[in-house]
C-alpha atoms as a PDB file:
ATOM      1  CA  ALA A   1      17.480 -11.160  20.540  1.00  0.00           C
ATOM      2  CA  PHE A   2      15.305 -12.560  17.704  1.00  0.00           C
ATOM      3  CA  ALA A   3      17.547 -11.242  14.909  1.00  0.00           C
ATOM      4  CA  LYS A   4      20.723 -12.261  16.728  1.00  0.00           C
ATOM      5  CA  SER A   5      19.408 -15.802  17.220  1.00  0.00           C
ATOM      6  CA  CYS A   6      18.512 -15.967  13.508  1.00  0.00           C
ATOM      7  CA  SER A   7      22.184 -15.654  12.612  1.00  0.00           C
ATOM      8  CA  LEU A   8      22.261 -19.453  13.050  1.00  0.00           C
ATOM      9  CA  ASP A   9      20.616 -21.246  10.101  1.00  0.00           C
ATOM     10  CA  THR A  10      18.935 -23.885  12.261  1.00  0.00           C
ATOM     11  CA  TRP A  11      17.735 -21.825  15.246  1.00  0.00           C
ATOM     12  CA  SER A  12      14.372 -20.760  13.779  1.00  0.00           C
ATOM     13  CA  GLN A  13      13.536 -23.980  11.919  1.00  0.00           C
ATOM     14  CA  GLY A  14      10.386 -25.641  13.245  1.00  0.00           C
ATOM     15  CA  LYS A  15       9.488 -22.617  15.392  1.00  0.00           C
ATOM     16  CA  THR A  16       6.500 -20.295  15.042  1.00  0.00           C
ATOM     17  CA  PHE A  17       6.640 -16.597  15.908  1.00  0.00           C
ATOM     18  CA  ILE A  18       3.436 -14.550  16.194  1.00  0.00           C
ATOM     19  CA  LEU A  19       3.309 -10.753  16.042  1.00  0.00           C
ATOM     20  CA  ARG A  20       0.572  -9.798  18.514  1.00  0.00           C
ATOM     21  CA  ALA A  21       0.484  -6.012  17.939  1.00  0.00           C
ATOM     22  CA  ASP A  22       1.713  -3.269  15.636  1.00  0.00           C
ATOM     23  CA  ILE A  23       5.258  -2.185  16.475  1.00  0.00           C
ATOM     24  CA  SER A  24       7.437   0.777  15.566  1.00  0.00           C
ATOM     25  CA  LEU A  25      11.177   0.479  15.046  1.00  0.00           C
ATOM     26  CA  SER A  26      11.651   4.246  15.381  1.00  0.00           C
ATOM     27  CA  GLY A  27      14.877   4.892  17.267  1.00  0.00           C
ATOM     28  CA  VAL A  28      15.717   1.168  17.361  1.00  0.00           C
ATOM     29  CA  ASP A  29      19.095  -0.023  16.101  1.00  0.00           C
ATOM     30  CA  PHE A  30      17.547  -2.937  14.221  1.00  0.00           C
ATOM     31  CA  THR A  31      19.572  -5.787  12.768  1.00  0.00           C
ATOM     32  CA  PRO A  32      17.823  -7.945  10.140  1.00  0.00           C
ATOM     33  CA  ALA A  33      17.164 -11.618  10.822  1.00  0.00           C
ATOM     34  CA  ALA A  34      20.019 -12.975   8.692  1.00  0.00           C
ATOM     35  CA  SER A  35      18.594 -16.469   8.154  1.00  0.00           C
ATOM     36  CA  PHE A  36      15.008 -17.547   8.884  1.00  0.00           C
ATOM     37  CA  GLY A  37      13.558 -21.037   8.454  1.00  0.00           C
ATOM     38  CA  GLY A  38      10.528 -21.018  10.752  1.00  0.00           C
ATOM     39  CA  THR A  39       7.049 -19.501  10.512  1.00  0.00           C
ATOM     40  CA  PHE A  40       6.527 -15.791  11.171  1.00  0.00           C
ATOM     41  CA  GLU A  41       2.814 -14.995  11.469  1.00  0.00           C
ATOM     42  CA  GLY A  42       2.095 -11.257  11.368  1.00  0.00           C
ATOM     43  CA  ARG A  43      -1.667 -11.574  11.939  1.00  0.00           C
ATOM     44  CA  GLY A  44      -2.208  -8.461   9.810  1.00  0.00           C
ATOM     45  CA  HIS A  45      -0.087  -6.257  12.071  1.00  0.00           C
ATOM     46  CA  THR A  46       2.384  -3.620  10.886  1.00  0.00           C
ATOM     47  CA  ILE A  47       6.065  -3.113  11.594  1.00  0.00           C
ATOM     48  CA  SER A  48       6.584   0.595  10.906  1.00  0.00           C
ATOM     49  CA  ASP A  49       9.619   2.866  10.803  1.00  0.00           C
ATOM     50  CA  PHE A  50      11.828   0.076   9.461  1.00  0.00           C
ATOM     51  CA  ASN A  51      15.029   1.743   8.269  1.00  0.00           C
ATOM     52  CA  LEU A  52      17.884  -0.460   7.065  1.00  0.00           C
ATOM     53  CA  THR A  53      21.096   1.379   6.156  1.00  0.00           C
ATOM     54  CA  GLN A  54      23.813  -0.883   7.571  1.00  0.00           C
ATOM     55  CA  ASN A  55      25.952  -3.229   5.483  1.00  0.00           C
ATOM     56  CA  ALA A  56      23.844  -6.294   4.761  1.00  0.00           C
ATOM     57  CA  SER A  57      23.556  -8.640   1.803  1.00  0.00           C
ATOM     58  CA  PRO A  58      21.035 -10.048   1.207  1.00  0.00           C
ATOM     59  CA  ALA A  59      19.123  -7.187   2.848  1.00  0.00           C
ATOM     60  CA  GLY A  60      15.546  -6.862   4.099  1.00  0.00           C
ATOM     61  CA  LEU A  61      13.564  -7.326   7.299  1.00  0.00           C
ATOM     62  CA  PHE A  62      14.729 -10.926   6.800  1.00  0.00           C
ATOM     63  CA  GLY A  63      18.069 -11.399   5.044  1.00  0.00           C
ATOM     64  CA  THR A  64      17.289 -14.897   3.729  1.00  0.00           C
ATOM     65  CA  ILE A  65      14.111 -16.932   4.134  1.00  0.00           C
ATOM     66  CA  LEU A  66      15.248 -20.552   3.992  1.00  0.00           C
ATOM     67  CA  PRO A  67      13.466 -23.496   2.300  1.00  0.00           C
ATOM     68  CA  GLY A  68      10.544 -24.384   4.567  1.00  0.00           C
ATOM     69  CA  GLY A  69      10.472 -20.850   5.989  1.00  0.00           C
ATOM     70  CA  ARG A  70       7.196 -18.948   5.865  1.00  0.00           C
ATOM     71  CA  VAL A  71       6.343 -15.283   6.498  1.00  0.00           C
ATOM     72  CA  ALA A  72       2.639 -14.437   6.347  1.00  0.00           C
ATOM     73  CA  ASN A  73       0.095 -11.685   6.980  1.00  0.00           C
ATOM     74  CA  LEU A  74       2.707  -9.038   7.733  1.00  0.00           C
ATOM     75  CA  ASN A  75       2.762  -5.356   6.782  1.00  0.00           C
ATOM     76  CA  VAL A  76       6.054  -3.459   6.800  1.00  0.00           C
ATOM     77  CA  ALA A  77       6.579   0.267   6.232  1.00  0.00           C
ATOM     78  CA  GLY A  78       9.932   2.008   5.887  1.00  0.00           C
ATOM     79  CA  SER A  79      13.044   1.926   3.751  1.00  0.00           C
ATOM     80  CA  VAL A  80      15.821  -0.421   2.736  1.00  0.00           C
ATOM     81  CA  ALA A  81      19.006   1.300   1.572  1.00  0.00           C
ATOM     82  CA  ALA A  82      21.665  -1.126   2.766  1.00  0.00           C
ATOM     83  CA  GLY A  83      25.364  -0.381   2.501  1.00  0.00           C
ATOM     84  CA  GLY A  84      27.987  -2.825   1.267  1.00  0.00           C
ATOM     85  CA  ASP A  85      27.577  -4.507  -2.113  1.00  0.00           C
ATOM     86  CA  LYS A  86      23.848  -3.557  -2.306  1.00  0.00           C
ATOM     87  CA  ILE A  87      22.832  -6.842  -3.981  1.00  0.00           C
ATOM     88  CA  ALA A  88      19.534  -8.673  -3.270  1.00  0.00           C
ATOM     89  CA  CYS A  89      17.576  -6.046  -1.349  1.00  0.00           C
ATOM     90  CA  GLY A  90      13.844  -6.271  -0.609  1.00  0.00           C
ATOM     91  CA  GLY A  91      11.296  -4.836   1.783  1.00  0.00           C
ATOM     92  CA  ILE A  92      10.400  -8.210   3.332  1.00  0.00           C
ATOM     93  CA  ALA A  93      13.459 -10.299   2.430  1.00  0.00           C
ATOM     94  CA  GLY A  94      16.682  -9.954   0.497  1.00  0.00           C
ATOM     95  CA  GLU A  95      16.521 -13.556  -0.692  1.00  0.00           C
ATOM     96  CA  ASN A  96      13.648 -16.059  -0.597  1.00  0.00           C
ATOM     97  CA  TYR A  97      13.784 -19.847  -0.792  1.00  0.00           C
ATOM     98  CA  GLY A  98      10.580 -20.240   1.242  1.00  0.00           C
ATOM     99  CA  ARG A  99       7.060 -18.864   1.099  1.00  0.00           C
ATOM    100  CA  ILE A 100       5.895 -15.256   1.598  1.00  0.00           C
ATOM    101  CA  VAL A 101       2.104 -14.941   1.768  1.00  0.00           C
ATOM    102  CA  CYS A 102      -0.204 -11.919   2.147  1.00  0.00           C
ATOM    103  CA  CYS A 103       2.568  -9.476   3.023  1.00  0.00           C
ATOM    104  CA  THR A 104       2.864  -5.803   2.096  1.00  0.00           C
ATOM    105  CA  PHE A 105       5.726  -3.355   1.956  1.00  0.00           C
ATOM    106  CA  THR A 106       5.155   0.383   1.763  1.00  0.00           C
ATOM    107  CA  GLY A 107       8.153   2.652   1.283  1.00  0.00           C
ATOM    108  CA  MET A 108      11.444   2.672  -0.595  1.00  0.00           C
ATOM    109  CA  VAL A 109      13.929  -0.046  -1.549  1.00  0.00           C
ATOM    110  CA  GLN A 110      17.185   0.906  -3.219  1.00  0.00           C
ATOM    111  CA  GLY A 111      20.481  -0.746  -4.043  1.00  0.00           C
ATOM    112  CA  ASP A 112      22.534  -1.965  -6.982  1.00  0.00           C
ATOM    113  CA  THR A 113      21.113  -5.160  -8.494  1.00  0.00           C
ATOM    114  CA  GLN A 114      18.270  -7.574  -7.647  1.00  0.00           C
ATOM    115  CA  ILE A 115      16.139  -4.929  -5.946  1.00  0.00           C
ATOM    116  CA  GLY A 116      12.472  -5.707  -5.223  1.00  0.00           C
ATOM    117  CA  GLY A 117       9.612  -4.205  -3.263  1.00  0.00           C
ATOM    118  CA  ILE A 118       8.994  -7.544  -1.501  1.00  0.00           C
ATOM    119  CA  VAL A 119      12.104  -9.661  -2.292  1.00  0.00           C
ATOM    120  CA  GLY A 120      15.411  -8.892  -3.973  1.00  0.00           C
ATOM    121  CA  ARG A 121      16.038 -12.417  -5.286  1.00  0.00           C
ATOM    122  CA  ASN A 122      13.272 -15.070  -5.379  1.00  0.00           C
ATOM    123  CA  GLN A 123      15.058 -18.409  -5.701  1.00  0.00           C
ATOM    124  CA  ALA A 124      13.973 -21.679  -7.360  1.00  0.00           C
ATOM    125  CA  SER A 125      11.894 -22.901  -4.401  1.00  0.00           C
ATOM    126  CA  GLY A 126      10.665 -19.395  -3.515  1.00  0.00           C
ATOM    127  CA  GLN A 127       6.975 -18.520  -3.600  1.00  0.00           C
ATOM    128  CA  ILE A 128       5.557 -15.020  -3.237  1.00  0.00           C
ATOM    129  CA  VAL A 129       1.768 -15.186  -2.991  1.00  0.00           C
ATOM    130  CA  SER A 130      -0.844 -12.388  -2.655  1.00  0.00           C
ATOM    131  CA  CYS A 131       1.711  -9.743  -1.684  1.00  0.00           C
ATOM    132  CA  SER A 132       1.749  -6.061  -2.567  1.00  0.00           C
ATOM    133  CA  PHE A 133       4.222  -3.206  -2.821  1.00  0.00           C
ATOM    134  CA  GLU A 134       3.515   0.492  -2.791  1.00  0.00           C
ATOM    135  CA  GLY A 135       6.400   2.890  -3.074  1.00  0.00           C
ATOM    136  CA  LYS A 136       9.664   3.386  -4.911  1.00  0.00           C
ATOM    137  CA  GLY A 137      12.178   0.806  -6.099  1.00  0.00           C
ATOM    138  CA  GLN A 138      15.507   2.048  -7.373  1.00  0.00           C
ATOM    139  CA  GLY A 139      18.486   0.032  -8.606  1.00  0.00           C
ATOM    140  CA  THR A 140      21.139  -0.186 -11.278  1.00  0.00           C
ATOM    141  CA  ASN A 141      19.831  -3.445 -12.767  1.00  0.00           C
ATOM    142  CA  ALA A 142      17.166  -6.149 -12.141  1.00  0.00           C
ATOM    143  CA  THR A 143      14.706  -3.953 -10.248  1.00  0.00           C
ATOM    144  CA  GLY A 144      11.071  -4.999  -9.819  1.00  0.00           C
ATOM    145  CA  GLY A 145       7.983  -4.009  -7.886  1.00  0.00           C
ATOM    146  CA  ILE A 146       7.663  -7.455  -6.277  1.00  0.00           C
ATOM    147  CA  ALA A 147      11.036  -9.156  -6.982  1.00  0.00           C
ATOM    148  CA  GLY A 148      14.241  -7.902  -8.537  1.00  0.00           C
ATOM    149  CA  GLN A 149      14.962 -11.379  -9.878  1.00  0.00           C
ATOM    150  CA  ASN A 150      12.587 -14.345 -10.119  1.00  0.00           C
ATOM    151  CA  ALA A 151      14.845 -17.382 -10.682  1.00  0.00           C
ATOM    152  CA  ALA A 152      13.899 -20.525 -12.626  1.00  0.00           C
ATOM    153  CA  GLY A 153      11.358 -22.402 -10.507  1.00  0.00           C
ATOM    154  CA  GLY A 154      10.403 -19.280  -8.539  1.00  0.00           C
ATOM    155  CA  VAL A 155       6.697 -18.381  -8.353  1.00  0.00           C
ATOM    156  CA  ILE A 156       5.013 -14.982  -7.991  1.00  0.00           C
ATOM    157  CA  ASP A 157       1.242 -15.428  -7.780  1.00  0.00           C
ATOM    158  CA  GLY A 158      -1.593 -12.969  -7.175  1.00  0.00           C
ATOM    159  CA  CYS A 159       0.715 -10.053  -6.340  1.00  0.00           C
ATOM    160  CA  ARG A 160       0.117  -6.353  -6.857  1.00  0.00           C
ATOM    161  CA  ASP A 161       2.482  -3.461  -7.468  1.00  0.00           C
ATOM    162  CA  THR A 162       1.028  -0.029  -6.856  1.00  0.00           C
ATOM    163  CA  ASN A 163       4.261   1.756  -7.587  1.00  0.00           C
ATOM    164  CA  ARG A 164       5.036   5.373  -7.725  1.00  0.00           C
ATOM    165  CA  GLU A 165       8.323   4.587  -9.393  1.00  0.00           C
ATOM    166  CA  VAL A 166      10.368   1.433 -10.126  1.00  0.00           C
ATOM    167  CA  TYR A 167      13.452   1.878 -12.269  1.00  0.00           C
ATOM    168  CA  ALA A 168      16.958   0.695 -13.075  1.00  0.00           C
ATOM    169  CA  THR A 169      19.524   3.298 -14.066  1.00  0.00           C
ATOM    170  CA  ASN A 170      21.593   0.972 -16.261  1.00  0.00           C
ATOM    171  CA  GLY A 171      19.662  -2.252 -16.887  1.00  0.00           C
ATOM    172  CA  VAL A 172      16.266  -3.923 -16.712  1.00  0.00           C
ATOM    173  CA  ALA A 173      13.272  -3.078 -14.540  1.00  0.00           C
ATOM    174  CA  GLY A 174       9.724  -4.406 -14.364  1.00  0.00           C
ATOM    175  CA  GLY A 175       6.514  -3.696 -12.516  1.00  0.00           C
ATOM    176  CA  ILE A 176       6.395  -7.229 -11.048  1.00  0.00           C
ATOM    177  CA  ALA A 177       9.914  -8.636 -11.627  1.00  0.00           C
ATOM    178  CA  GLY A 178      13.056  -6.986 -12.934  1.00  0.00           C
ATOM    179  CA  THR A 179      14.078 -10.305 -14.496  1.00  0.00           C
ATOM    180  CA  ASN A 180      11.966 -13.443 -14.822  1.00  0.00           C
ATOM    181  CA  ALA A 181      14.070 -16.478 -15.757  1.00  0.00           C
ATOM    182  CA  ALA A 182      12.940 -19.254 -18.094  1.00  0.00           C
ATOM    183  CA  GLY A 183      11.008 -21.689 -15.925  1.00  0.00           C
ATOM    184  CA  ALA A 184       9.933 -19.016 -13.447  1.00  0.00           C
ATOM    185  CA  ALA A 185       6.240 -18.168 -13.132  1.00  0.00           C
ATOM    186  CA  ILE A 186       4.297 -14.939 -12.699  1.00  0.00           C
ATOM    187  CA  ARG A 187       0.533 -15.470 -12.458  1.00  0.00           C
ATOM    188  CA  ASN A 188      -2.487 -13.261 -11.727  1.00  0.00           C
ATOM    189  CA  ALA A 189      -0.355 -10.139 -11.206  1.00  0.00           C
ATOM    190  CA  GLU A 190      -1.568  -6.566 -11.260  1.00  0.00           C
ATOM    191  CA  ILE A 191       0.249  -3.288 -11.774  1.00  0.00           C
ATOM    192  CA  THR A 192      -1.425   0.041 -11.067  1.00  0.00           C
ATOM    193  CA  ALA A 193      -0.009   3.546 -11.166  1.00  0.00           C
ATOM    194  CA  GLY A 194       0.106   5.223  -7.779  1.00  0.00           C
END
């Protein structure tokens, strides 16, 4: 019901959702929240067994986090290997215009371009703060441990990539961002080999 309601851009705006326990998506036919503009507070809990293979773009637990949207203190474990055009895929969100704080993704993210462990495409107003990725990121181009693409005005601050493997088969890849546009910022980042 949550994801279905988030298909409307305005439904989640001004609302707060609190995850009160760890949950497993094993055996659940999960549909990503297409558009999220509220506050999702994970309280340090984990969503495990997340497995996205259906056609979705942008693709992640959240398709797009809207300006003013905030996802915080959430751990996600699983894989994102969406069908369709395979553009803008991330463990937490496919595309971010909002704020992602203290979130982790453990697992695999794969697609074509703009592939990131946390976010596929971090837009001009997007902020990714104190997040970490541990796993494998695989794309054709613009593949990064935290964000596949960090657009002008986008901020990645205090994030950590403990990757086993992040690569692009026919383009650019980076431990924190696959591409970091002029005017985008990466601060206080750390990359460690897994």
